[in-house]
Amino acid sequence: MFSNTSISPEDLPSVEFLEYQPLHPEYRQIMILRVLVFNAVLLVGLILYVAFNGVALHWIGVIGISFLLLVGVQILIAYRNFAYKGYAIREHDLVYTSGWLFRKWTAISFNRIQHSEVSQGLIERMFDLSTLEVFTAGGSSSDLKIGGLPDKTAHQLRDFITKKIARDEEE
């Protein structure tokens, strides 16, 4: 017999009160370094544009100050965002939280995960950190990346997820 009983909102588990595992502290430096590298490339393009288009001298100062303010805001956001990133592993899902200005909680049920992998970029390799990527049946919009994990932890999480998926499929 089919039943579909109502559940009171007070009876739902609270995701925001989970004890999240923080990312490695050096990941904050990587986030800021990425902002600086991106803006350095942008600055080169801006300098080339100004040099080849004869921008008036008084506009160069305005553009420079605006650019520095923009970079400062991006660094502040990257710095503050780090404190709000974390993950938790529960019996049936993986939960990730992020966002300083706009909070976001993502929970991915293990039975939706197709596979996971660990990747390590050039900058991450310098700090011995990795990114865990979780791919779901919902397509790329529902996939999850958790950067800033110590390399050993990222591999342990990947192995745990792989074993958990295999166990769940057997049941």
Protein backbone atom coordinates (compact mmCIF):
# COMPACT_ATOMS: atom_id res chain seq x y z
CA MET A 1 0.00 0.00 0.00
CA PHE A 2 1.39 3.42 -1.04
CA SER A 3 1.69 6.14 1.57
CA ASN A 4 3.08 9.64 1.40
CA THR A 5 3.06 11.03 4.94
CA SER A 6 3.78 14.71 5.55
CA ILE A 7 6.96 15.69 7.36
CA SER A 8 7.03 18.78 9.53
CA PRO A 9 9.81 21.29 8.73
CA GLU A 10 10.87 21.10 12.41
CA ASP A 11 11.63 17.37 11.94
CA LEU A 12 14.03 17.91 9.03
CA PRO A 13 17.76 17.62 9.70
CA SER A 14 19.53 20.96 9.68
CA VAL A 15 22.34 21.20 7.15
CA GLU A 16 23.73 24.53 8.29
CA PHE A 17 24.48 23.22 11.79
CA LEU A 18 26.70 20.41 10.59
CA GLU A 19 30.28 20.43 11.72
CA TYR A 20 32.06 21.18 8.46
CA GLN A 21 35.65 20.21 7.85
CA PRO A 22 37.60 23.33 6.86
CA LEU A 23 39.81 23.46 3.80
CA HIS A 24 43.58 23.64 4.21
CA PRO A 25 44.63 27.13 5.40
CA GLU A 26 47.07 27.57 2.50
CA TYR A 27 44.16 27.31 0.07
CA ARG A 28 43.33 30.93 0.97
CA GLN A 29 46.71 31.92 -0.50
CA ILE A 30 45.91 29.97 -3.67
CA MET A 31 42.56 31.75 -4.01
CA ILE A 32 44.26 35.15 -3.67
CA LEU A 33 47.09 34.12 -6.01
CA ARG A 34 44.53 33.15 -8.67
CA VAL A 35 42.95 36.60 -8.38
CA LEU A 36 46.35 38.24 -8.77
CA VAL A 37 47.36 36.12 -11.78
CA PHE A 38 44.03 36.76 -13.53
CA ASN A 39 44.30 40.50 -12.92
CA ALA A 40 47.96 40.60 -14.01
CA VAL A 41 46.89 39.19 -17.38
CA LEU A 42 44.04 41.68 -17.48
CA LEU A 43 46.44 44.51 -16.61
CA VAL A 44 48.75 43.59 -19.50
CA GLY A 45 45.76 43.72 -21.87
CA LEU A 46 44.68 47.06 -20.41
CA ILE A 47 48.18 48.52 -20.79
CA LEU A 48 48.34 47.35 -24.41
CA TYR A 49 44.93 48.87 -25.09
CA VAL A 50 45.94 52.21 -23.54
CA ALA A 51 49.28 52.21 -25.40
CA PHE A 52 47.79 51.51 -28.83
CA ASN A 53 44.67 53.65 -28.58
CA GLY A 54 46.14 56.89 -27.31
CA VAL A 55 43.99 57.26 -24.19
CA ALA A 56 44.15 60.74 -22.68
CA LEU A 57 46.55 61.08 -19.76
CA HIS A 58 43.87 62.05 -17.23
CA TRP A 59 41.90 58.86 -18.04
CA ILE A 60 44.92 56.68 -17.31
CA GLY A 61 44.79 57.70 -13.65
CA VAL A 62 41.04 57.04 -13.43
CA ILE A 63 41.46 53.64 -15.11
CA GLY A 64 44.41 52.76 -12.83
CA ILE A 65 42.59 53.69 -9.63
CA SER A 66 39.45 51.84 -10.76
CA PHE A 67 41.53 48.79 -11.60
CA LEU A 68 43.25 48.81 -8.20
CA LEU A 69 39.90 49.16 -6.41
CA LEU A 70 38.50 46.25 -8.42
CA VAL A 71 41.50 44.06 -7.55
CA GLY A 72 41.20 45.04 -3.89
CA VAL A 73 37.53 44.06 -3.79
CA GLN A 74 38.29 40.74 -5.52
CA ILE A 75 41.05 39.98 -2.99
CA LEU A 76 38.74 40.86 -0.09
CA ILE A 77 36.02 38.57 -1.45
CA ALA A 78 38.49 35.71 -2.01
CA TYR A 79 39.92 36.21 1.49
CA ARG A 80 36.51 36.25 3.19
CA ASN A 81 35.04 33.43 1.06
CA PHE A 82 37.66 31.02 2.36
CA ALA A 83 36.22 31.10 5.89
CA TYR A 84 32.85 29.92 4.58
CA LYS A 85 34.08 26.92 2.60
CA GLY A 86 33.88 23.45 4.12
CA TYR A 87 32.59 19.94 3.64
CA ALA A 88 30.93 17.23 5.70
CA ILE A 89 30.49 13.56 5.02
CA ARG A 90 27.34 11.95 6.33
CA GLU A 91 26.05 8.40 6.07
CA HIS A 92 24.16 9.01 2.82
CA ASP A 93 25.61 12.18 1.33
CA LEU A 94 28.42 14.65 0.90
CA VAL A 95 27.66 18.26 1.89
CA TYR A 96 29.65 21.32 0.77
CA THR A 97 29.14 24.89 1.88
CA SER A 98 30.59 28.08 0.45
CA GLY A 99 29.98 31.78 0.01
CA TRP A 100 30.55 34.84 2.11
CA LEU A 101 28.07 37.21 0.51
CA PHE A 102 25.81 34.56 -0.97
CA ARG A 103 25.75 31.37 1.11
CA LYS A 104 25.36 28.06 -0.69
CA TRP A 105 24.91 24.53 0.65
CA THR A 106 25.16 21.58 -1.71
CA ALA A 107 24.29 18.04 -0.64
CA ILE A 108 24.95 15.20 -3.04
CA SER A 109 23.53 11.81 -2.23
CA PHE A 110 26.01 8.98 -2.72
CA ASN A 111 23.49 7.09 -4.85
CA ARG A 112 23.58 9.98 -7.39
CA ILE A 113 27.38 9.96 -7.71
CA GLN A 114 28.70 8.27 -10.85
CA HIS A 115 32.40 8.68 -10.13
CA SER A 116 34.94 10.96 -8.50
CA GLU A 117 38.48 12.02 -9.26
CA VAL A 118 41.30 14.00 -7.75
CA SER A 119 43.05 16.71 -9.74
CA GLN A 120 45.98 18.96 -8.94
CA GLY A 121 46.89 22.13 -10.81
CA LEU A 122 50.32 23.73 -10.94
CA ILE A 123 49.67 26.16 -8.08
CA GLU A 124 47.98 23.47 -5.96
CA ARG A 125 50.94 21.14 -6.51
CA MET A 126 53.26 23.80 -5.04
CA PHE A 127 51.23 23.65 -1.81
CA ASP A 128 50.62 19.84 -1.95
CA LEU A 129 46.86 20.43 -2.21
CA SER A 130 44.30 18.84 -4.52
CA THR A 131 40.73 19.20 -5.74
CA LEU A 132 38.15 16.45 -5.34
CA GLU A 133 35.68 16.39 -8.23
CA VAL A 134 32.41 14.50 -7.81
CA PHE A 135 30.41 13.72 -10.95
CA THR A 136 26.71 13.02 -10.62
CA ALA A 137 23.98 11.57 -12.77
CA GLY A 138 22.46 15.07 -13.02
CA GLY A 139 25.04 16.40 -15.46
CA SER A 140 27.72 19.05 -15.10
CA SER A 141 25.42 21.55 -13.37
CA SER A 142 25.08 19.19 -10.39
CA ASP A 143 28.74 18.16 -10.19
CA LEU A 144 30.82 19.32 -7.23
CA LYS A 145 34.42 20.47 -6.83
CA ILE A 146 36.05 20.76 -3.44
CA GLY A 147 39.41 22.49 -3.73
CA GLY A 148 41.96 23.11 -1.01
CA LEU A 149 42.18 19.56 0.31
CA PRO A 150 45.50 18.08 1.39
CA ASP A 151 46.49 15.61 -1.33
CA LYS A 152 46.24 12.61 1.01
CA THR A 153 42.78 13.65 2.24
CA ALA A 154 41.50 14.15 -1.31
CA HIS A 155 42.60 10.64 -2.26
CA GLN A 156 41.09 9.18 0.93
CA LEU A 157 37.76 10.90 0.18
CA ARG A 158 37.81 9.66 -3.41
CA ASP A 159 38.50 6.10 -2.25
CA PHE A 160 35.76 6.32 0.40
CA ILE A 161 33.24 7.55 -2.18
CA THR A 162 34.24 4.82 -4.64
CA LYS A 163 33.82 2.11 -1.99
CA LYS A 164 30.56 3.64 -0.76
CA ILE A 165 29.12 3.69 -4.30
CA ALA A 166 30.17 0.06 -4.87
CA ARG A 167 28.62 -1.05 -1.55
CA ASP A 168 25.37 0.81 -2.26
CA GLU A 169 25.14 -0.79 -5.70
CA GLU A 170 25.51 -4.26 -4.16
CA GLU A 171 22.61 -3.67 -1.76
